[in-house]
């Protein structure tokens, strides 16, 4: 029997939820909860659509990772996130805890590194497959025939799935070429310059011809002068950006794979949290899930809770 592990880039989901749901959303007492609502809504959608056997949220912890130590300006220049985002993070973690779902972070590594490490560990089992929920292109290097990347769209109603074939079709590169691609193009979101004047089209063409960043620099004489001069000027930047974009997997897993199973989830703590946040719509969606075969599989005493609640207007049913 196949096993399905879903790994979620927690910060990507939080940011997506924060900017997608109006910041005017709050409880009657005035607690802003738009990001909380968005994450909870997407979690229900992910569970409903993916029906995982195991699930883990991975979060970034701060700015002291080995990459920050390599480059003090790493990720600088990003637009400042408003304070009303950060105050919702504890509530989002409370929501995940209410589901009994595991989450982790580590100051030494980025969430992407743990997505990679857990995906590789899981697929040592030939019957396992992995879905990684993220919008970070660095994660594309993880994709294999049994590890796919899911980019949320319309909440999670229209997720875009990318495996090796889709990455090749969309970007013209293989997953293992992603770090070299980033070395050439850079990544403005991470404040990595790459090679000035080399964009995605030229980067993919060069990699299709020479396979890797090292291969490109070994064949500079075969590259037309206008591009060769750019590569020569930014050689150091290219290899540095490639190094920074390369995910690592040889790290200890803070939570054992066997501890990520979804079974025996208690309904009452989730309902209590939803009611504290006044998420009537989400409580109704939760109770609908309890009536499904998957809901009966993962929730404890699901049948005792599968009753309807009154419909409330004003919440975002399609997110």
C-alpha atoms as a PDB file:
ATOM      1  CA  UNK A   1       0.000   0.000   0.000  1.00  0.00           C
ATOM      2  CA  UNK A   2       1.398   3.387  -0.991  1.00  0.00           C
ATOM      3  CA  UNK A   3       2.009   6.076   1.630  1.00  0.00           C
ATOM      4  CA  UNK A   4       1.556   9.774   0.945  1.00  0.00           C
ATOM      5  CA  UNK A   5       3.568  12.391   2.868  1.00  0.00           C
ATOM      6  CA  UNK A   6       2.619  16.060   2.474  1.00  0.00           C
ATOM      7  CA  UNK A   7       5.268  18.599   3.457  1.00  0.00           C
ATOM      8  CA  UNK A   8       4.123  22.213   3.804  1.00  0.00           C
ATOM      9  CA  UNK A   9       6.294  25.320   3.560  1.00  0.00           C
ATOM     10  CA  UNK A  10       4.694  27.048   6.534  1.00  0.00           C
ATOM     11  CA  UNK A  11       5.876  30.580   5.841  1.00  0.00           C
ATOM     12  CA  UNK A  12       4.773  30.407   2.213  1.00  0.00           C
ATOM     13  CA  UNK A  13       1.293  29.379   3.328  1.00  0.00           C
ATOM     14  CA  UNK A  14       1.164  32.130   5.975  1.00  0.00           C
ATOM     15  CA  UNK A  15       2.269  34.890   3.595  1.00  0.00           C
ATOM     16  CA  UNK A  16      -0.100  33.696   0.910  1.00  0.00           C
ATOM     17  CA  UNK A  17      -2.987  33.666   3.382  1.00  0.00           C
ATOM     18  CA  UNK A  18      -2.120  37.070   4.829  1.00  0.00           C
ATOM     19  CA  UNK A  19      -2.109  38.853   1.481  1.00  0.00           C
ATOM     20  CA  UNK A  20      -5.056  36.933  -0.008  1.00  0.00           C
ATOM     21  CA  UNK A  21      -7.572  37.493   2.788  1.00  0.00           C
ATOM     22  CA  UNK A  22      -8.644  41.087   3.584  1.00  0.00           C
ATOM     23  CA  UNK A  23      -6.750  42.475   6.574  1.00  0.00           C
ATOM     24  CA  UNK A  24     -10.031  43.875   7.866  1.00  0.00           C
ATOM     25  CA  UNK A  25     -11.065  40.379   8.973  1.00  0.00           C
ATOM     26  CA  UNK A  26     -11.225  40.101  12.773  1.00  0.00           C
ATOM     27  CA  UNK A  27     -13.230  38.623  15.624  1.00  0.00           C
ATOM     28  CA  UNK A  28     -16.000  40.556  17.346  1.00  0.00           C
ATOM     29  CA  UNK A  29     -13.473  41.356  20.076  1.00  0.00           C
ATOM     30  CA  UNK A  30     -11.145  42.903  17.486  1.00  0.00           C
ATOM     31  CA  UNK A  31      -8.527  40.167  17.043  1.00  0.00           C
ATOM     32  CA  UNK A  32      -7.233  40.262  13.479  1.00  0.00           C
ATOM     33  CA  UNK A  33      -7.353  36.757  12.027  1.00  0.00           C
ATOM     34  CA  UNK A  34      -7.169  36.933   8.238  1.00  0.00           C
ATOM     35  CA  UNK A  35      -3.907  34.955   7.986  1.00  0.00           C
ATOM     36  CA  UNK A  36      -5.157  32.430  10.529  1.00  0.00           C
ATOM     37  CA  UNK A  37      -8.338  31.915   8.520  1.00  0.00           C
ATOM     38  CA  UNK A  38      -6.410  31.521   5.275  1.00  0.00           C
ATOM     39  CA  UNK A  39      -3.990  28.937   6.642  1.00  0.00           C
ATOM     40  CA  UNK A  40      -6.797  26.946   8.290  1.00  0.00           C
ATOM     41  CA  UNK A  41      -8.852  27.052   5.107  1.00  0.00           C
ATOM     42  CA  UNK A  42      -5.948  25.867   2.965  1.00  0.00           C
ATOM     43  CA  UNK A  43      -5.151  23.129   5.470  1.00  0.00           C
ATOM     44  CA  UNK A  44      -8.670  21.740   5.114  1.00  0.00           C
ATOM     45  CA  UNK A  45      -8.362  21.943   1.328  1.00  0.00           C
ATOM     46  CA  UNK A  46      -4.952  20.242   1.338  1.00  0.00           C
ATOM     47  CA  UNK A  47      -6.210  17.413   3.518  1.00  0.00           C
ATOM     48  CA  UNK A  48      -9.344  16.995   1.419  1.00  0.00           C
ATOM     49  CA  UNK A  49      -7.521  17.020  -1.918  1.00  0.00           C
ATOM     50  CA  UNK A  50      -4.277  15.243  -1.091  1.00  0.00           C
ATOM     51  CA  UNK A  51      -5.568  12.811   1.568  1.00  0.00           C
ATOM     52  CA  UNK A  52      -2.104  12.337   3.090  1.00  0.00           C
ATOM     53  CA  UNK A  53      -1.127   9.579   5.470  1.00  0.00           C
ATOM     54  CA  UNK A  54       1.508  11.859   7.016  1.00  0.00           C
ATOM     55  CA  UNK A  55       1.892  15.635   7.196  1.00  0.00           C
ATOM     56  CA  UNK A  56       4.471  18.122   8.457  1.00  0.00           C
ATOM     57  CA  UNK A  57       4.755  21.920   8.487  1.00  0.00           C
ATOM     58  CA  UNK A  58       8.307  23.260   8.062  1.00  0.00           C
ATOM     59  CA  UNK A  59       9.014  26.872   9.082  1.00  0.00           C
ATOM     60  CA  UNK A  60      11.960  29.231   8.735  1.00  0.00           C
ATOM     61  CA  UNK A  61      13.182  30.267  12.166  1.00  0.00           C
ATOM     62  CA  UNK A  62      15.319  33.347  11.574  1.00  0.00           C
ATOM     63  CA  UNK A  63      18.325  34.947   9.942  1.00  0.00           C
ATOM     64  CA  UNK A  64      21.155  32.902  11.463  1.00  0.00           C
ATOM     65  CA  UNK A  65      21.266  30.009   8.993  1.00  0.00           C
ATOM     66  CA  UNK A  66      24.530  28.950   7.386  1.00  0.00           C
ATOM     67  CA  UNK A  67      23.502  30.897   4.273  1.00  0.00           C
ATOM     68  CA  UNK A  68      23.127  34.120   6.263  1.00  0.00           C
ATOM     69  CA  UNK A  69      26.595  33.511   7.675  1.00  0.00           C
ATOM     70  CA  UNK A  70      27.964  33.039   4.155  1.00  0.00           C
ATOM     71  CA  UNK A  71      26.274  36.228   2.902  1.00  0.00           C
ATOM     72  CA  UNK A  72      25.253  38.853   5.493  1.00  0.00           C
ATOM     73  CA  UNK A  73      23.014  40.527   2.872  1.00  0.00           C
ATOM     74  CA  UNK A  74      21.146  37.273   2.098  1.00  0.00           C
ATOM     75  CA  UNK A  75      17.417  38.010   1.681  1.00  0.00           C
ATOM     76  CA  UNK A  76      17.915  41.703   2.449  1.00  0.00           C
ATOM     77  CA  UNK A  77      15.837  44.133   0.433  1.00  0.00           C
ATOM     78  CA  UNK A  78      12.547  42.285   0.777  1.00  0.00           C
ATOM     79  CA  UNK A  79       9.589  44.520   1.490  1.00  0.00           C
ATOM     80  CA  UNK A  80       8.926  44.787   5.212  1.00  0.00           C
ATOM     81  CA  UNK A  81       6.039  42.636   6.402  1.00  0.00           C
ATOM     82  CA  UNK A  82       3.461  44.564   8.465  1.00  0.00           C
ATOM     83  CA  UNK A  83       3.345  43.948  12.203  1.00  0.00           C
ATOM     84  CA  UNK A  84      -0.214  42.617  11.969  1.00  0.00           C
ATOM     85  CA  UNK A  85       1.200  39.590  10.149  1.00  0.00           C
ATOM     86  CA  UNK A  86       3.641  38.677  12.904  1.00  0.00           C
ATOM     87  CA  UNK A  87       1.106  38.917  15.707  1.00  0.00           C
ATOM     88  CA  UNK A  88      -0.946  36.210  13.975  1.00  0.00           C
ATOM     89  CA  UNK A  89       1.886  33.651  13.857  1.00  0.00           C
ATOM     90  CA  UNK A  90       1.250  32.364  17.414  1.00  0.00           C
ATOM     91  CA  UNK A  91      -2.439  31.920  16.514  1.00  0.00           C
ATOM     92  CA  UNK A  92      -1.505  30.004  13.366  1.00  0.00           C
ATOM     93  CA  UNK A  93       0.700  27.687  15.403  1.00  0.00           C
ATOM     94  CA  UNK A  94      -2.162  27.239  17.894  1.00  0.00           C
ATOM     95  CA  UNK A  95      -4.380  26.240  14.981  1.00  0.00           C
ATOM     96  CA  UNK A  96      -1.878  23.638  13.741  1.00  0.00           C
ATOM     97  CA  UNK A  97      -1.504  22.320  17.289  1.00  0.00           C
ATOM     98  CA  UNK A  98      -5.292  22.060  17.621  1.00  0.00           C
ATOM     99  CA  UNK A  99      -5.200  19.604  14.719  1.00  0.00           C
ATOM    100  CA  UNK A 100      -2.435  17.634  16.402  1.00  0.00           C
ATOM    101  CA  UNK A 101      -0.259  18.182  13.314  1.00  0.00           C
ATOM    102  CA  UNK A 102       3.500  18.370  13.793  1.00  0.00           C
ATOM    103  CA  UNK A 103       5.533  21.451  12.866  1.00  0.00           C
ATOM    104  CA  UNK A 104       9.215  22.258  13.153  1.00  0.00           C
ATOM    105  CA  UNK A 105      11.927  24.851  12.532  1.00  0.00           C
ATOM    106  CA  UNK A 106      15.647  25.102  13.206  1.00  0.00           C
ATOM    107  CA  UNK A 107      17.788  28.239  13.340  1.00  0.00           C
ATOM    108  CA  UNK A 108      20.644  26.519  11.483  1.00  0.00           C
ATOM    109  CA  UNK A 109      18.720  25.633   8.320  1.00  0.00           C
ATOM    110  CA  UNK A 110      15.935  26.892   6.104  1.00  0.00           C
ATOM    111  CA  UNK A 111      12.577  25.220   5.747  1.00  0.00           C
ATOM    112  CA  UNK A 112      13.506  24.228   2.180  1.00  0.00           C
ATOM    113  CA  UNK A 113      16.408  22.149   3.470  1.00  0.00           C
ATOM    114  CA  UNK A 114      14.048  20.202   5.719  1.00  0.00           C
ATOM    115  CA  UNK A 115      11.538  19.784   2.903  1.00  0.00           C
ATOM    116  CA  UNK A 116      14.360  18.161   0.944  1.00  0.00           C
ATOM    117  CA  UNK A 117      15.625  16.038   3.838  1.00  0.00           C
ATOM    118  CA  UNK A 118      12.169  14.711   4.753  1.00  0.00           C
ATOM    119  CA  UNK A 119      11.229  14.056   1.112  1.00  0.00           C
ATOM    120  CA  UNK A 120      14.368  12.013   0.507  1.00  0.00           C
ATOM    121  CA  UNK A 121      13.964  10.137   3.775  1.00  0.00           C
ATOM    122  CA  UNK A 122      10.345   9.276   2.974  1.00  0.00           C
ATOM    123  CA  UNK A 123      11.058   8.045  -0.545  1.00  0.00           C
ATOM    124  CA  UNK A 124      13.600   5.537   0.684  1.00  0.00           C
ATOM    125  CA  UNK A 125      10.417   3.505   1.065  1.00  0.00           C
ATOM    126  CA  UNK A 126       9.618   2.383  -2.505  1.00  0.00           C
ATOM    127  CA  UNK A 127       5.899   2.597  -1.736  1.00  0.00           C
ATOM    128  CA  UNK A 128       5.993   6.233  -0.596  1.00  0.00           C
ATOM    129  CA  UNK A 129       5.273   9.410  -2.511  1.00  0.00           C
ATOM    130  CA  UNK A 130       5.628  13.038  -1.421  1.00  0.00           C
ATOM    131  CA  UNK A 131       3.829  16.281  -2.196  1.00  0.00           C
ATOM    132  CA  UNK A 132       5.614  19.502  -1.220  1.00  0.00           C
ATOM    133  CA  UNK A 133       3.338  22.524  -0.880  1.00  0.00           C
ATOM    134  CA  UNK A 134       5.371  25.665  -1.577  1.00  0.00           C
ATOM    135  CA  UNK A 135       5.827  28.534  -3.982  1.00  0.00           C
ATOM    136  CA  UNK A 136       9.621  28.637  -3.667  1.00  0.00           C
ATOM    137  CA  UNK A 137      11.393  27.714  -6.903  1.00  0.00           C
ATOM    138  CA  UNK A 138      14.399  26.420  -4.937  1.00  0.00           C
ATOM    139  CA  UNK A 139      12.230  23.425  -4.090  1.00  0.00           C
ATOM    140  CA  UNK A 140      11.981  22.472  -7.774  1.00  0.00           C
ATOM    141  CA  UNK A 141      15.383  20.767  -7.436  1.00  0.00           C
ATOM    142  CA  UNK A 142      13.702  18.235  -5.122  1.00  0.00           C
ATOM    143  CA  UNK A 143      11.243  16.989  -7.740  1.00  0.00           C
ATOM    144  CA  UNK A 144      11.413  13.369  -8.860  1.00  0.00           C
ATOM    145  CA  UNK A 145       8.932  10.872 -10.248  1.00  0.00           C
ATOM    146  CA  UNK A 146       7.707  10.347  -6.652  1.00  0.00           C
ATOM    147  CA  UNK A 147       8.224  13.869  -5.272  1.00  0.00           C
ATOM    148  CA  UNK A 148       6.030  16.574  -6.769  1.00  0.00           C
ATOM    149  CA  UNK A 149       5.796  20.275  -5.999  1.00  0.00           C
ATOM    150  CA  UNK A 150       2.318  21.747  -5.467  1.00  0.00           C
ATOM    151  CA  UNK A 151       1.966  25.516  -5.829  1.00  0.00           C
ATOM    152  CA  UNK A 152      -1.278  26.793  -4.276  1.00  0.00           C
ATOM    153  CA  UNK A 153      -3.614  28.846  -6.479  1.00  0.00           C
ATOM    154  CA  UNK A 154      -7.063  30.130  -5.465  1.00  0.00           C
ATOM    155  CA  UNK A 155      -6.363  29.021  -1.939  1.00  0.00           C
ATOM    156  CA  UNK A 156      -5.723  25.380  -2.746  1.00  0.00           C
ATOM    157  CA  UNK A 157      -8.630  25.010  -5.141  1.00  0.00           C
ATOM    158  CA  UNK A 158      -6.446  24.985  -8.259  1.00  0.00           C
ATOM    159  CA  UNK A 159      -3.018  23.783  -7.168  1.00  0.00           C
ATOM    160  CA  UNK A 160      -0.344  23.604  -9.865  1.00  0.00           C
ATOM    161  CA  UNK A 161       1.622  20.347  -9.757  1.00  0.00           C
ATOM    162  CA  UNK A 162       5.194  20.221 -10.975  1.00  0.00           C
ATOM    163  CA  UNK A 163       7.326  17.135 -11.429  1.00  0.00           C
ATOM    164  CA  UNK A 164      10.450  16.757 -13.585  1.00  0.00           C
ATOM    165  CA  UNK A 165       8.488  16.804 -16.862  1.00  0.00           C
ATOM    166  CA  UNK A 166       6.513  19.928 -15.927  1.00  0.00           C
ATOM    167  CA  UNK A 167       9.644  21.761 -14.737  1.00  0.00           C
ATOM    168  CA  UNK A 168      11.391  20.910 -18.005  1.00  0.00           C
ATOM    169  CA  UNK A 169       8.390  22.092 -20.030  1.00  0.00           C
ATOM    170  CA  UNK A 170       7.990  25.336 -18.069  1.00  0.00           C
ATOM    171  CA  UNK A 171      11.610  26.350 -17.476  1.00  0.00           C
ATOM    172  CA  UNK A 172      13.607  24.306 -19.964  1.00  0.00           C
ATOM    173  CA  UNK A 173      15.748  22.689 -17.253  1.00  0.00           C
ATOM    174  CA  UNK A 174      15.882  19.494 -15.205  1.00  0.00           C
ATOM    175  CA  UNK A 175      15.349  19.632 -11.424  1.00  0.00           C
ATOM    176  CA  UNK A 176      19.051  18.974 -10.789  1.00  0.00           C
ATOM    177  CA  UNK A 177      19.898  22.048 -12.899  1.00  0.00           C
ATOM    178  CA  UNK A 178      17.904  24.446 -10.705  1.00  0.00           C
ATOM    179  CA  UNK A 179      20.909  25.624  -8.623  1.00  0.00           C
ATOM    180  CA  UNK A 180      22.909  26.329 -11.799  1.00  0.00           C
ATOM    181  CA  UNK A 181      19.885  28.148 -13.241  1.00  0.00           C
ATOM    182  CA  UNK A 182      19.680  30.281 -10.104  1.00  0.00           C
ATOM    183  CA  UNK A 183      23.436  30.866 -10.343  1.00  0.00           C
ATOM    184  CA  UNK A 184      22.895  32.407 -13.768  1.00  0.00           C
ATOM    185  CA  UNK A 185      19.604  34.255 -13.220  1.00  0.00           C
ATOM    186  CA  UNK A 186      20.076  35.105  -9.569  1.00  0.00           C
ATOM    187  CA  UNK A 187      17.107  35.483  -7.246  1.00  0.00           C
ATOM    188  CA  UNK A 188      15.951  38.952  -6.295  1.00  0.00           C
ATOM    189  CA  UNK A 189      13.829  37.598  -3.446  1.00  0.00           C
ATOM    190  CA  UNK A 190      17.002  36.220  -1.817  1.00  0.00           C
ATOM    191  CA  UNK A 191      19.119  39.242  -2.823  1.00  0.00           C
ATOM    192  CA  UNK A 192      21.306  37.066  -5.033  1.00  0.00           C
ATOM    193  CA  UNK A 193      22.492  38.804  -8.197  1.00  0.00           C
ATOM    194  CA  UNK A 194      23.644  35.931 -10.363  1.00  0.00           C
ATOM    195  CA  UNK A 195      25.077  37.047 -13.726  1.00  0.00           C
ATOM    196  CA  UNK A 196      23.991  40.540 -14.720  1.00  0.00           C
ATOM    197  CA  UNK A 197      22.301  40.474 -18.107  1.00  0.00           C
ATOM    198  CA  UNK A 198      21.548  36.736 -18.127  1.00  0.00           C
ATOM    199  CA  UNK A 199      17.834  36.059 -17.915  1.00  0.00           C
ATOM    200  CA  UNK A 200      15.754  32.880 -17.835  1.00  0.00           C
ATOM    201  CA  UNK A 201      15.787  32.333 -21.613  1.00  0.00           C
ATOM    202  CA  UNK A 202      19.575  32.508 -21.952  1.00  0.00           C
ATOM    203  CA  UNK A 203      20.088  30.557 -18.726  1.00  0.00           C
ATOM    204  CA  UNK A 204      17.972  27.615 -19.869  1.00  0.00           C
ATOM    205  CA  UNK A 205      19.582  27.657 -23.341  1.00  0.00           C
ATOM    206  CA  UNK A 206      23.073  27.588 -21.853  1.00  0.00           C
ATOM    207  CA  UNK A 207      22.176  24.726 -19.516  1.00  0.00           C
ATOM    208  CA  UNK A 208      20.560  22.760 -22.318  1.00  0.00           C
ATOM    209  CA  UNK A 209      23.798  23.062 -24.268  1.00  0.00           C
ATOM    210  CA  UNK A 210      26.409  22.688 -21.507  1.00  0.00           C
ATOM    211  CA  UNK A 211      24.448  20.844 -18.772  1.00  0.00           C
ATOM    212  CA  UNK A 212      25.747  22.697 -15.691  1.00  0.00           C
ATOM    213  CA  UNK A 213      27.282  25.943 -14.506  1.00  0.00           C
ATOM    214  CA  UNK A 214      30.673  24.250 -14.406  1.00  0.00           C
ATOM    215  CA  UNK A 215      30.120  22.991 -17.953  1.00  0.00           C
ATOM    216  CA  UNK A 216      29.272  26.490 -19.130  1.00  0.00           C
ATOM    217  CA  UNK A 217      32.459  27.961 -17.700  1.00  0.00           C
ATOM    218  CA  UNK A 218      34.516  25.112 -19.148  1.00  0.00           C
ATOM    219  CA  UNK A 219      33.231  26.061 -22.616  1.00  0.00           C
ATOM    220  CA  UNK A 220      33.365  29.862 -22.539  1.00  0.00           C
ATOM    221  CA  UNK A 221      35.225  29.849 -25.861  1.00  0.00           C
ATOM    222  CA  UNK A 222      32.182  28.232 -27.495  1.00  0.00           C
ATOM    223  CA  UNK A 223      29.772  30.935 -26.288  1.00  0.00           C
ATOM    224  CA  UNK A 224      29.111  34.071 -28.308  1.00  0.00           C
ATOM    225  CA  UNK A 225      31.115  37.093 -27.116  1.00  0.00           C
ATOM    226  CA  UNK A 226      28.181  39.211 -25.882  1.00  0.00           C
ATOM    227  CA  UNK A 227      27.131  36.498 -23.414  1.00  0.00           C
ATOM    228  CA  UNK A 228      30.672  35.278 -22.714  1.00  0.00           C
ATOM    229  CA  UNK A 229      31.719  38.721 -21.451  1.00  0.00           C
ATOM    230  CA  UNK A 230      28.831  38.790 -18.950  1.00  0.00           C
ATOM    231  CA  UNK A 231      29.743  35.332 -17.695  1.00  0.00           C
ATOM    232  CA  UNK A 232      33.399  36.278 -17.321  1.00  0.00           C
ATOM    233  CA  UNK A 233      32.641  39.420 -15.307  1.00  0.00           C
ATOM    234  CA  UNK A 234      30.273  37.649 -12.884  1.00  0.00           C
ATOM    235  CA  UNK A 235      31.933  34.252 -12.578  1.00  0.00           C
ATOM    236  CA  UNK A 236      32.339  34.543  -8.797  1.00  0.00           C
ATOM    237  CA  UNK A 237      28.756  35.724  -8.339  1.00  0.00           C
ATOM    238  CA  UNK A 238      27.425  32.855 -10.469  1.00  0.00           C
ATOM    239  CA  UNK A 239      29.092  30.101  -8.464  1.00  0.00           C
ATOM    240  CA  UNK A 240      28.249  31.792  -5.179  1.00  0.00           C
ATOM    241  CA  UNK A 241      24.557  32.035  -6.113  1.00  0.00           C
ATOM    242  CA  UNK A 242      24.568  28.402  -7.225  1.00  0.00           C
ATOM    243  CA  UNK A 243      25.998  27.401  -3.849  1.00  0.00           C
ATOM    244  CA  UNK A 244      23.406  29.446  -1.958  1.00  0.00           C
ATOM    245  CA  UNK A 245      20.542  27.955  -4.002  1.00  0.00           C
ATOM    246  CA  UNK A 246      21.658  24.359  -3.471  1.00  0.00           C
ATOM    247  CA  UNK A 247      19.522  22.664  -0.843  1.00  0.00           C
ATOM    248  CA  UNK A 248      21.078  20.245   1.609  1.00  0.00           C
ATOM    249  CA  UNK A 249      19.580  17.039   2.897  1.00  0.00           C
ATOM    250  CA  UNK A 250      22.275  15.531   5.113  1.00  0.00           C
ATOM    251  CA  UNK A 251      20.818  16.970   8.309  1.00  0.00           C
ATOM    252  CA  UNK A 252      19.137  15.334  11.299  1.00  0.00           C
ATOM    253  CA  UNK A 253      15.343  15.146  11.212  1.00  0.00           C
ATOM    254  CA  UNK A 254      13.963  16.833  14.359  1.00  0.00           C
ATOM    255  CA  UNK A 255      10.789  14.735  14.206  1.00  0.00           C
ATOM    256  CA  UNK A 256      10.859  11.085  13.176  1.00  0.00           C
ATOM    257  CA  UNK A 257       8.929  10.139  10.047  1.00  0.00           C
ATOM    258  CA  UNK A 258       6.902   7.637  12.039  1.00  0.00           C
ATOM    259  CA  UNK A 259       5.619  10.478  14.227  1.00  0.00           C
ATOM    260  CA  UNK A 260       3.978  12.283  11.298  1.00  0.00           C
ATOM    261  CA  UNK A 261       1.063   9.899  10.805  1.00  0.00           C
ATOM    262  CA  UNK A 262      -2.432  11.367  10.689  1.00  0.00           C
ATOM    263  CA  UNK A 263      -4.752   9.176  12.713  1.00  0.00           C
ATOM    264  CA  UNK A 264      -6.829   9.561  15.807  1.00  0.00           C
ATOM    265  CA  UNK A 265      -7.154  13.342  15.369  1.00  0.00           C
ATOM    266  CA  UNK A 266      -9.488  14.744  18.020  1.00  0.00           C
ATOM    267  CA  UNK A 267     -12.236  16.956  16.638  1.00  0.00           C
ATOM    268  CA  UNK A 268     -13.077  18.935  19.793  1.00  0.00           C
ATOM    269  CA  UNK A 269      -9.841  20.986  19.984  1.00  0.00           C
ATOM    270  CA  UNK A 270     -10.244  22.054  16.339  1.00  0.00           C
ATOM    271  CA  UNK A 271     -13.870  23.053  16.862  1.00  0.00           C
ATOM    272  CA  UNK A 272     -12.937  24.955  20.017  1.00  0.00           C
ATOM    273  CA  UNK A 273     -10.224  26.865  18.161  1.00  0.00           C
ATOM    274  CA  UNK A 274     -12.492  27.654  15.194  1.00  0.00           C
ATOM    275  CA  UNK A 275     -15.160  28.951  17.569  1.00  0.00           C
ATOM    276  CA  UNK A 276     -12.627  31.119  19.409  1.00  0.00           C
ATOM    277  CA  UNK A 277     -11.729  32.634  16.028  1.00  0.00           C
ATOM    278  CA  UNK A 278     -15.408  32.751  14.957  1.00  0.00           C
ATOM    279  CA  UNK A 279     -14.700  30.605  11.867  1.00  0.00           C
ATOM    280  CA  UNK A 280     -18.217  29.296  11.356  1.00  0.00           C
ATOM    281  CA  UNK A 281     -17.580  28.478   7.718  1.00  0.00           C
ATOM    282  CA  UNK A 282     -14.492  26.439   8.541  1.00  0.00           C
ATOM    283  CA  UNK A 283     -16.300  24.525  11.255  1.00  0.00           C
ATOM    284  CA  UNK A 284     -18.937  23.601   8.704  1.00  0.00           C
ATOM    285  CA  UNK A 285     -16.266  22.477   6.220  1.00  0.00           C
ATOM    286  CA  UNK A 286     -14.595  20.437   8.958  1.00  0.00           C
ATOM    287  CA  UNK A 287     -17.848  18.670   9.791  1.00  0.00           C
ATOM    288  CA  UNK A 288     -18.408  17.928   6.121  1.00  0.00           C
ATOM    289  CA  UNK A 289     -14.964  16.325   5.997  1.00  0.00           C
ATOM    290  CA  UNK A 290     -15.916  14.075   8.894  1.00  0.00           C
ATOM    291  CA  UNK A 291     -18.540  12.391   6.723  1.00  0.00           C
ATOM    292  CA  UNK A 292     -16.005  11.338   4.068  1.00  0.00           C
ATOM    293  CA  UNK A 293     -14.075   8.078   4.024  1.00  0.00           C
ATOM    294  CA  UNK A 294     -10.841   9.988   4.522  1.00  0.00           C
ATOM    295  CA  UNK A 295     -12.330  11.916   7.435  1.00  0.00           C
ATOM    296  CA  UNK A 296     -13.448   8.696   9.092  1.00  0.00           C
ATOM    297  CA  UNK A 297      -9.914   7.373   8.645  1.00  0.00           C
ATOM    298  CA  UNK A 298      -7.986  10.223  10.303  1.00  0.00           C
ATOM    299  CA  UNK A 299     -10.433  11.631  12.870  1.00  0.00           C
ATOM    300  CA  UNK A 300     -11.222   9.994  16.182  1.00  0.00           C
ATOM    301  CA  UNK A 301     -14.984   9.437  16.674  1.00  0.00           C
ATOM    302  CA  UNK A 302     -15.692  11.282  13.422  1.00  0.00           C
ATOM    303  CA  UNK A 303     -19.270  10.014  13.216  1.00  0.00           C
ATOM    304  CA  UNK A 304     -20.194  11.559  16.556  1.00  0.00           C
ATOM    305  CA  UNK A 305     -19.329  15.034  15.296  1.00  0.00           C
ATOM    306  CA  UNK A 306     -20.615  14.977  11.723  1.00  0.00           C
ATOM    307  CA  UNK A 307     -23.525  17.371  12.168  1.00  0.00           C
ATOM    308  CA  UNK A 308     -24.257  20.593  10.362  1.00  0.00           C
ATOM    309  CA  UNK A 309     -23.761  24.077  11.779  1.00  0.00           C
ATOM    310  CA  UNK A 310     -25.639  27.204  10.673  1.00  0.00           C
ATOM    311  CA  UNK A 311     -24.385  28.903   7.554  1.00  0.00           C
ATOM    312  CA  UNK A 312     -22.778  32.281   8.106  1.00  0.00           C
ATOM    313  CA  UNK A 313     -22.330  34.885   5.391  1.00  0.00           C
ATOM    314  CA  UNK A 314     -19.226  37.009   4.907  1.00  0.00           C
ATOM    315  CA  UNK A 315     -16.436  34.432   5.147  1.00  0.00           C
ATOM    316  CA  UNK A 316     -14.518  33.427   2.049  1.00  0.00           C
ATOM    317  CA  UNK A 317     -15.971  30.074   1.055  1.00  0.00           C
ATOM    318  CA  UNK A 318     -13.712  29.529  -1.949  1.00  0.00           C
ATOM    319  CA  UNK A 319     -10.364  30.234  -0.288  1.00  0.00           C
END
